[in-house]
Amino acid sequence: MTSAKLRAQCLSHPENTVLVTCYLQVEHEHPQLYGHAFATVWDYGENKVGWVTQLVVHKAVCRCYIATQLLQALKFHVLFSDVNIVGLASSHPASCNALAKYAAANINNVNLDFIHEASANY
């Protein structure tokens, strides 16, 4: 596959993509990257979809709500201001929990039957 074909089929346009980062600085050291989130948006009928394509947090700071803060930061980006459908390319429990917090949803109320039926069509 050529780089042009890969770009056309797998990557979103840069103007529709958001990168959020988390740097931590300890005392007099240089700030270090401890987490990032890539997300993209697109129109879907009358809706706007926000899709988190990558959510990464360094293992040294797991359980410090970095993933939650990265996703919350998306809400303040102009591209995400009209998002009313949100998804995440991960099944990691911490990532799913962070997304539930983003959406102010109770993870126990997610309609798994809908997900099962919709995924069966693909």
N, C-alpha and C. Protein backbone atom coordinates (compact mmCIF):
# COMPACT_ATOMS: atom_id res chain seq x y z
N MET A 1 0.85 -1.17 0.00
CA MET A 1 0.00 0.00 0.00
C MET A 1 0.90 1.24 0.00
N THR A 2 0.59 2.16 -0.86
CA THR A 2 1.38 3.40 -0.92
C THR A 2 1.00 4.31 0.24
N SER A 3 1.88 5.23 0.54
CA SER A 3 1.60 6.17 1.63
C SER A 3 0.38 7.03 1.32
N ALA A 4 0.18 7.38 0.07
CA ALA A 4 -0.99 8.18 -0.32
C ALA A 4 -2.29 7.40 -0.09
N LYS A 5 -2.27 6.11 -0.44
CA LYS A 5 -3.47 5.29 -0.25
C LYS A 5 -3.75 5.07 1.24
N LEU A 6 -2.69 4.81 2.00
CA LEU A 6 -2.84 4.65 3.45
C LEU A 6 -3.43 5.92 4.06
N ARG A 7 -2.90 7.06 3.69
CA ARG A 7 -3.38 8.34 4.21
C ARG A 7 -4.86 8.54 3.85
N ALA A 8 -5.21 8.25 2.60
CA ALA A 8 -6.59 8.46 2.13
C ALA A 8 -7.58 7.54 2.81
N GLN A 9 -7.16 6.31 3.11
CA GLN A 9 -8.10 5.32 3.65
C GLN A 9 -8.10 5.20 5.17
N CYS A 10 -7.04 5.62 5.81
CA CYS A 10 -6.92 5.36 7.24
C CYS A 10 -6.77 6.59 8.13
N LEU A 11 -6.41 7.70 7.57
CA LEU A 11 -6.19 8.88 8.40
C LEU A 11 -7.22 9.95 8.10
N SER A 12 -7.62 10.65 9.12
CA SER A 12 -8.55 11.75 8.92
C SER A 12 -7.79 12.98 8.45
N HIS A 13 -8.51 13.93 7.98
CA HIS A 13 -7.89 15.18 7.55
C HIS A 13 -7.39 15.94 8.78
N PRO A 14 -6.23 16.54 8.69
CA PRO A 14 -5.67 17.26 9.84
C PRO A 14 -6.60 18.34 10.40
N GLU A 15 -7.39 18.96 9.55
CA GLU A 15 -8.30 20.00 10.04
C GLU A 15 -9.45 19.43 10.87
N ASN A 16 -9.63 18.10 10.86
CA ASN A 16 -10.67 17.45 11.65
C ASN A 16 -10.10 16.64 12.81
N THR A 17 -8.82 16.83 13.10
CA THR A 17 -8.14 16.02 14.10
C THR A 17 -7.65 16.89 15.25
N VAL A 18 -7.74 16.33 16.44
CA VAL A 18 -7.31 17.03 17.66
C VAL A 18 -6.27 16.16 18.36
N LEU A 19 -5.23 16.78 18.87
CA LEU A 19 -4.25 16.11 19.72
C LEU A 19 -4.23 16.83 21.06
N VAL A 20 -4.43 16.07 22.12
CA VAL A 20 -4.36 16.60 23.48
C VAL A 20 -3.20 15.89 24.17
N THR A 21 -2.37 16.63 24.87
CA THR A 21 -1.21 16.04 25.53
C THR A 21 -1.20 16.38 27.01
N CYS A 22 -0.48 15.56 27.76
CA CYS A 22 -0.28 15.79 29.19
C CYS A 22 1.21 15.69 29.47
N TYR A 23 1.78 16.81 29.89
CA TYR A 23 3.18 16.85 30.29
C TYR A 23 3.24 17.07 31.80
N LEU A 24 4.16 16.38 32.44
CA LEU A 24 4.37 16.56 33.87
C LEU A 24 5.82 16.97 34.10
N GLN A 25 6.00 17.87 35.04
CA GLN A 25 7.34 18.35 35.35
C GLN A 25 7.61 18.09 36.83
N VAL A 26 8.72 17.45 37.10
CA VAL A 26 9.13 17.17 38.47
C VAL A 26 10.29 18.09 38.82
N GLU A 27 10.08 18.91 39.81
CA GLU A 27 11.08 19.87 40.30
C GLU A 27 11.76 20.62 39.16
N HIS A 28 13.06 20.45 39.00
CA HIS A 28 13.82 21.24 38.03
C HIS A 28 14.07 20.50 36.72
N GLU A 29 13.44 19.36 36.55
CA GLU A 29 13.62 18.59 35.32
C GLU A 29 12.77 19.19 34.19
N HIS A 30 13.08 18.78 32.97
CA HIS A 30 12.28 19.20 31.83
C HIS A 30 10.94 18.46 31.86
N PRO A 31 9.88 19.11 31.39
CA PRO A 31 8.58 18.42 31.33
C PRO A 31 8.67 17.17 30.45
N GLN A 32 7.98 16.12 30.86
CA GLN A 32 7.97 14.88 30.10
C GLN A 32 6.54 14.53 29.71
N LEU A 33 6.39 13.98 28.53
CA LEU A 33 5.08 13.56 28.05
C LEU A 33 4.64 12.30 28.78
N TYR A 34 3.47 12.36 29.42
CA TYR A 34 2.93 11.22 30.15
C TYR A 34 1.62 10.70 29.57
N GLY A 35 1.07 11.41 28.60
CA GLY A 35 -0.16 10.91 27.99
C GLY A 35 -0.57 11.76 26.81
N HIS A 36 -1.35 11.14 25.92
CA HIS A 36 -1.89 11.89 24.79
C HIS A 36 -3.17 11.23 24.30
N ALA A 37 -3.97 12.01 23.60
CA ALA A 37 -5.19 11.50 22.97
C ALA A 37 -5.29 12.12 21.59
N PHE A 38 -5.51 11.26 20.60
CA PHE A 38 -5.84 11.71 19.24
C PHE A 38 -7.33 11.49 19.06
N ALA A 39 -7.99 12.47 18.49
CA ALA A 39 -9.42 12.34 18.22
C ALA A 39 -9.73 13.01 16.89
N THR A 40 -10.79 12.56 16.27
CA THR A 40 -11.21 13.12 14.99
C THR A 40 -12.72 13.33 15.02
N VAL A 41 -13.19 14.21 14.19
CA VAL A 41 -14.62 14.49 14.12
C VAL A 41 -15.09 14.41 12.66
N TRP A 42 -16.35 14.06 12.49
CA TRP A 42 -16.95 14.09 11.17
C TRP A 42 -18.46 14.23 11.31
N ASP A 43 -19.08 14.68 10.25
CA ASP A 43 -20.53 14.81 10.22
C ASP A 43 -21.16 13.46 9.90
N TYR A 44 -22.29 13.18 10.56
CA TYR A 44 -23.04 11.96 10.32
C TYR A 44 -24.51 12.34 10.29
N GLY A 45 -25.02 12.59 9.10
CA GLY A 45 -26.38 13.11 8.98
C GLY A 45 -26.45 14.47 9.64
N GLU A 46 -27.36 14.63 10.57
CA GLU A 46 -27.50 15.88 11.30
C GLU A 46 -26.66 15.89 12.59
N ASN A 47 -25.89 14.86 12.79
CA ASN A 47 -25.09 14.72 14.00
C ASN A 47 -23.62 14.98 13.71
N LYS A 48 -22.86 15.14 14.77
CA LYS A 48 -21.41 15.26 14.66
C LYS A 48 -20.80 14.20 15.57
N VAL A 49 -19.94 13.36 14.97
CA VAL A 49 -19.29 12.27 15.69
C VAL A 49 -17.90 12.72 16.14
N GLY A 50 -17.56 12.42 17.37
CA GLY A 50 -16.21 12.59 17.89
C GLY A 50 -15.66 11.21 18.21
N TRP A 51 -14.55 10.85 17.60
CA TRP A 51 -14.01 9.50 17.77
C TRP A 51 -12.57 9.61 18.29
N VAL A 52 -12.33 9.03 19.45
CA VAL A 52 -10.99 9.01 20.03
C VAL A 52 -10.27 7.81 19.43
N THR A 53 -9.28 8.09 18.62
CA THR A 53 -8.57 7.01 17.92
C THR A 53 -7.41 6.46 18.72
N GLN A 54 -6.89 7.26 19.64
CA GLN A 54 -5.78 6.77 20.47
C GLN A 54 -5.80 7.51 21.80
N LEU A 55 -5.74 6.74 22.87
CA LEU A 55 -5.68 7.28 24.23
C LEU A 55 -4.57 6.51 24.96
N VAL A 56 -3.49 7.21 25.28
CA VAL A 56 -2.31 6.56 25.86
C VAL A 56 -1.89 7.30 27.12
N VAL A 57 -1.64 6.53 28.18
CA VAL A 57 -1.14 7.09 29.44
C VAL A 57 0.03 6.23 29.89
N HIS A 58 1.12 6.88 30.29
CA HIS A 58 2.32 6.17 30.76
C HIS A 58 1.96 5.36 32.00
N LYS A 59 2.48 4.15 32.09
CA LYS A 59 2.13 3.26 33.21
C LYS A 59 2.53 3.82 34.56
N ALA A 60 3.50 4.72 34.60
CA ALA A 60 3.93 5.30 35.87
C ALA A 60 2.87 6.20 36.50
N VAL A 61 1.93 6.67 35.68
CA VAL A 61 0.89 7.58 36.21
C VAL A 61 -0.51 7.03 35.97
N CYS A 62 -0.62 5.71 35.81
CA CYS A 62 -1.95 5.11 35.70
C CYS A 62 -2.71 5.34 37.01
N ARG A 63 -4.01 5.42 36.92
CA ARG A 63 -4.88 5.64 38.07
C ARG A 63 -4.70 7.02 38.69
N CYS A 64 -4.20 7.94 37.88
CA CYS A 64 -4.06 9.34 38.33
C CYS A 64 -5.00 10.25 37.55
N TYR A 65 -5.99 9.68 36.89
CA TYR A 65 -7.02 10.40 36.14
C TYR A 65 -6.48 11.18 34.94
N ILE A 66 -5.31 10.77 34.44
CA ILE A 66 -4.75 11.44 33.26
C ILE A 66 -5.66 11.20 32.05
N ALA A 67 -6.10 9.96 31.84
CA ALA A 67 -6.98 9.65 30.70
C ALA A 67 -8.28 10.46 30.79
N THR A 68 -8.83 10.55 31.98
CA THR A 68 -10.05 11.33 32.18
C THR A 68 -9.81 12.80 31.82
N GLN A 69 -8.71 13.35 32.26
CA GLN A 69 -8.42 14.76 31.99
C GLN A 69 -8.14 14.99 30.50
N LEU A 70 -7.48 14.05 29.85
CA LEU A 70 -7.23 14.19 28.42
C LEU A 70 -8.55 14.26 27.65
N LEU A 71 -9.48 13.37 27.98
CA LEU A 71 -10.77 13.38 27.28
C LEU A 71 -11.58 14.62 27.65
N GLN A 72 -11.54 15.03 28.90
CA GLN A 72 -12.27 16.23 29.30
C GLN A 72 -11.75 17.46 28.55
N ALA A 73 -10.44 17.48 28.27
CA ALA A 73 -9.86 18.61 27.54
C ALA A 73 -10.43 18.72 26.12
N LEU A 74 -10.86 17.60 25.55
CA LEU A 74 -11.45 17.64 24.21
C LEU A 74 -12.70 18.52 24.17
N LYS A 75 -13.45 18.54 25.26
CA LYS A 75 -14.69 19.33 25.31
C LYS A 75 -14.44 20.81 25.05
N PHE A 76 -13.24 21.27 25.32
CA PHE A 76 -12.93 22.69 25.17
C PHE A 76 -12.38 23.04 23.79
N HIS A 77 -12.18 22.03 22.96
CA HIS A 77 -11.68 22.29 21.61
C HIS A 77 -12.85 22.63 20.70
N VAL A 78 -12.67 23.60 19.83
CA VAL A 78 -13.73 24.06 18.95
C VAL A 78 -14.30 22.93 18.10
N LEU A 79 -13.48 21.97 17.69
CA LEU A 79 -13.99 20.86 16.88
C LEU A 79 -14.98 19.99 17.64
N PHE A 80 -14.84 19.92 18.94
CA PHE A 80 -15.72 19.07 19.74
C PHE A 80 -16.91 19.83 20.34
N SER A 81 -17.05 21.09 20.01
CA SER A 81 -18.13 21.88 20.62
C SER A 81 -19.52 21.40 20.22
N ASP A 82 -19.67 20.82 19.04
CA ASP A 82 -20.99 20.35 18.58
C ASP A 82 -21.10 18.83 18.53
N VAL A 83 -20.15 18.12 19.09
CA VAL A 83 -20.18 16.65 19.06
C VAL A 83 -21.34 16.16 19.91
N ASN A 84 -22.18 15.29 19.32
CA ASN A 84 -23.27 14.70 20.09
C ASN A 84 -23.26 13.16 20.02
N ILE A 85 -22.25 12.60 19.33
CA ILE A 85 -22.00 11.16 19.33
C ILE A 85 -20.51 11.00 19.59
N VAL A 86 -20.16 10.18 20.55
CA VAL A 86 -18.74 10.03 20.89
C VAL A 86 -18.41 8.54 20.99
N GLY A 87 -17.20 8.20 20.55
CA GLY A 87 -16.76 6.81 20.62
C GLY A 87 -15.27 6.74 20.87
N LEU A 88 -14.81 5.54 21.13
CA LEU A 88 -13.43 5.32 21.53
C LEU A 88 -12.94 4.01 20.91
N ALA A 89 -11.78 4.03 20.30
CA ALA A 89 -11.20 2.83 19.69
C ALA A 89 -10.40 2.06 20.73
N SER A 90 -11.08 1.60 21.77
CA SER A 90 -10.42 0.84 22.82
C SER A 90 -11.47 0.09 23.63
N SER A 91 -11.06 -1.05 24.14
CA SER A 91 -11.94 -1.78 25.06
C SER A 91 -11.32 -1.85 26.45
N HIS A 92 -10.24 -1.11 26.67
CA HIS A 92 -9.58 -1.11 27.97
C HIS A 92 -10.54 -0.51 29.01
N PRO A 93 -10.74 -1.17 30.13
CA PRO A 93 -11.70 -0.69 31.13
C PRO A 93 -11.45 0.74 31.59
N ALA A 94 -10.20 1.13 31.79
CA ALA A 94 -9.91 2.49 32.24
C ALA A 94 -10.28 3.51 31.15
N SER A 95 -10.03 3.17 29.90
CA SER A 95 -10.40 4.06 28.79
C SER A 95 -11.92 4.20 28.69
N CYS A 96 -12.61 3.07 28.79
CA CYS A 96 -14.08 3.10 28.72
C CYS A 96 -14.66 3.91 29.88
N ASN A 97 -14.08 3.77 31.06
CA ASN A 97 -14.54 4.52 32.21
C ASN A 97 -14.30 6.02 32.01
N ALA A 98 -13.15 6.38 31.45
CA ALA A 98 -12.86 7.79 31.17
C ALA A 98 -13.84 8.35 30.16
N LEU A 99 -14.20 7.55 29.15
CA LEU A 99 -15.17 8.01 28.16
C LEU A 99 -16.56 8.16 28.78
N ALA A 100 -16.92 7.27 29.68
CA ALA A 100 -18.20 7.39 30.38
C ALA A 100 -18.25 8.67 31.18
N LYS A 101 -17.15 9.03 31.81
CA LYS A 101 -17.09 10.29 32.55
C LYS A 101 -17.22 11.47 31.59
N TYR A 102 -16.56 11.38 30.44
CA TYR A 102 -16.66 12.44 29.42
C TYR A 102 -18.12 12.67 29.04
N ALA A 103 -18.84 11.57 28.85
CA ALA A 103 -20.23 11.65 28.40
C ALA A 103 -21.21 11.78 29.55
N ALA A 104 -20.72 11.85 30.78
CA ALA A 104 -21.58 11.90 31.97
C ALA A 104 -22.57 10.75 31.95
N ALA A 105 -22.06 9.57 31.60
CA ALA A 105 -22.91 8.38 31.50
C ALA A 105 -22.51 7.38 32.58
N ASN A 106 -23.48 6.59 32.99
CA ASN A 106 -23.20 5.50 33.91
C ASN A 106 -22.84 4.29 33.06
N ILE A 107 -21.64 3.77 33.23
CA ILE A 107 -21.16 2.66 32.40
C ILE A 107 -22.07 1.45 32.51
N ASN A 108 -22.77 1.31 33.63
CA ASN A 108 -23.68 0.18 33.82
C ASN A 108 -24.95 0.32 32.99
N ASN A 109 -25.23 1.51 32.47
CA ASN A 109 -26.44 1.73 31.68
C ASN A 109 -26.20 1.67 30.18
N VAL A 110 -25.00 1.30 29.76
CA VAL A 110 -24.71 1.20 28.33
C VAL A 110 -25.52 0.04 27.75
N ASN A 111 -26.18 0.31 26.64
CA ASN A 111 -27.03 -0.69 26.00
C ASN A 111 -26.17 -1.66 25.19
N LEU A 112 -25.79 -2.77 25.80
CA LEU A 112 -24.93 -3.74 25.14
C LEU A 112 -25.67 -4.48 24.03
N ASP A 113 -27.00 -4.63 24.16
CA ASP A 113 -27.77 -5.27 23.09
C ASP A 113 -27.68 -4.45 21.80
N PHE A 114 -27.77 -3.12 21.92
CA PHE A 114 -27.64 -2.26 20.74
C PHE A 114 -26.27 -2.45 20.10
N ILE A 115 -25.23 -2.48 20.92
CA ILE A 115 -23.88 -2.65 20.41
C ILE A 115 -23.74 -3.99 19.70
N HIS A 116 -24.27 -5.04 20.31
CA HIS A 116 -24.20 -6.37 19.71
C HIS A 116 -24.92 -6.41 18.38
N GLU A 117 -26.13 -5.87 18.33
CA GLU A 117 -26.90 -5.89 17.08
C GLU A 117 -26.24 -5.03 16.00
N ALA A 118 -25.75 -3.87 16.37
CA ALA A 118 -25.13 -2.98 15.38
C ALA A 118 -23.83 -3.59 14.86
N SER A 119 -23.06 -4.23 15.73
CA SER A 119 -21.79 -4.81 15.28
C SER A 119 -22.02 -6.04 14.41
N ALA A 120 -23.13 -6.71 14.58
CA ALA A 120 -23.43 -7.88 13.75
C ALA A 120 -23.63 -7.50 12.29
N ASN A 121 -23.98 -6.24 12.04
CA ASN A 121 -24.20 -5.77 10.68
C ASN A 121 -22.91 -5.46 9.95
N TYR A 122 -21.78 -5.50 10.65
CA TYR A 122 -20.50 -5.14 10.03
C TYR A 122 -19.61 -6.27 9.97
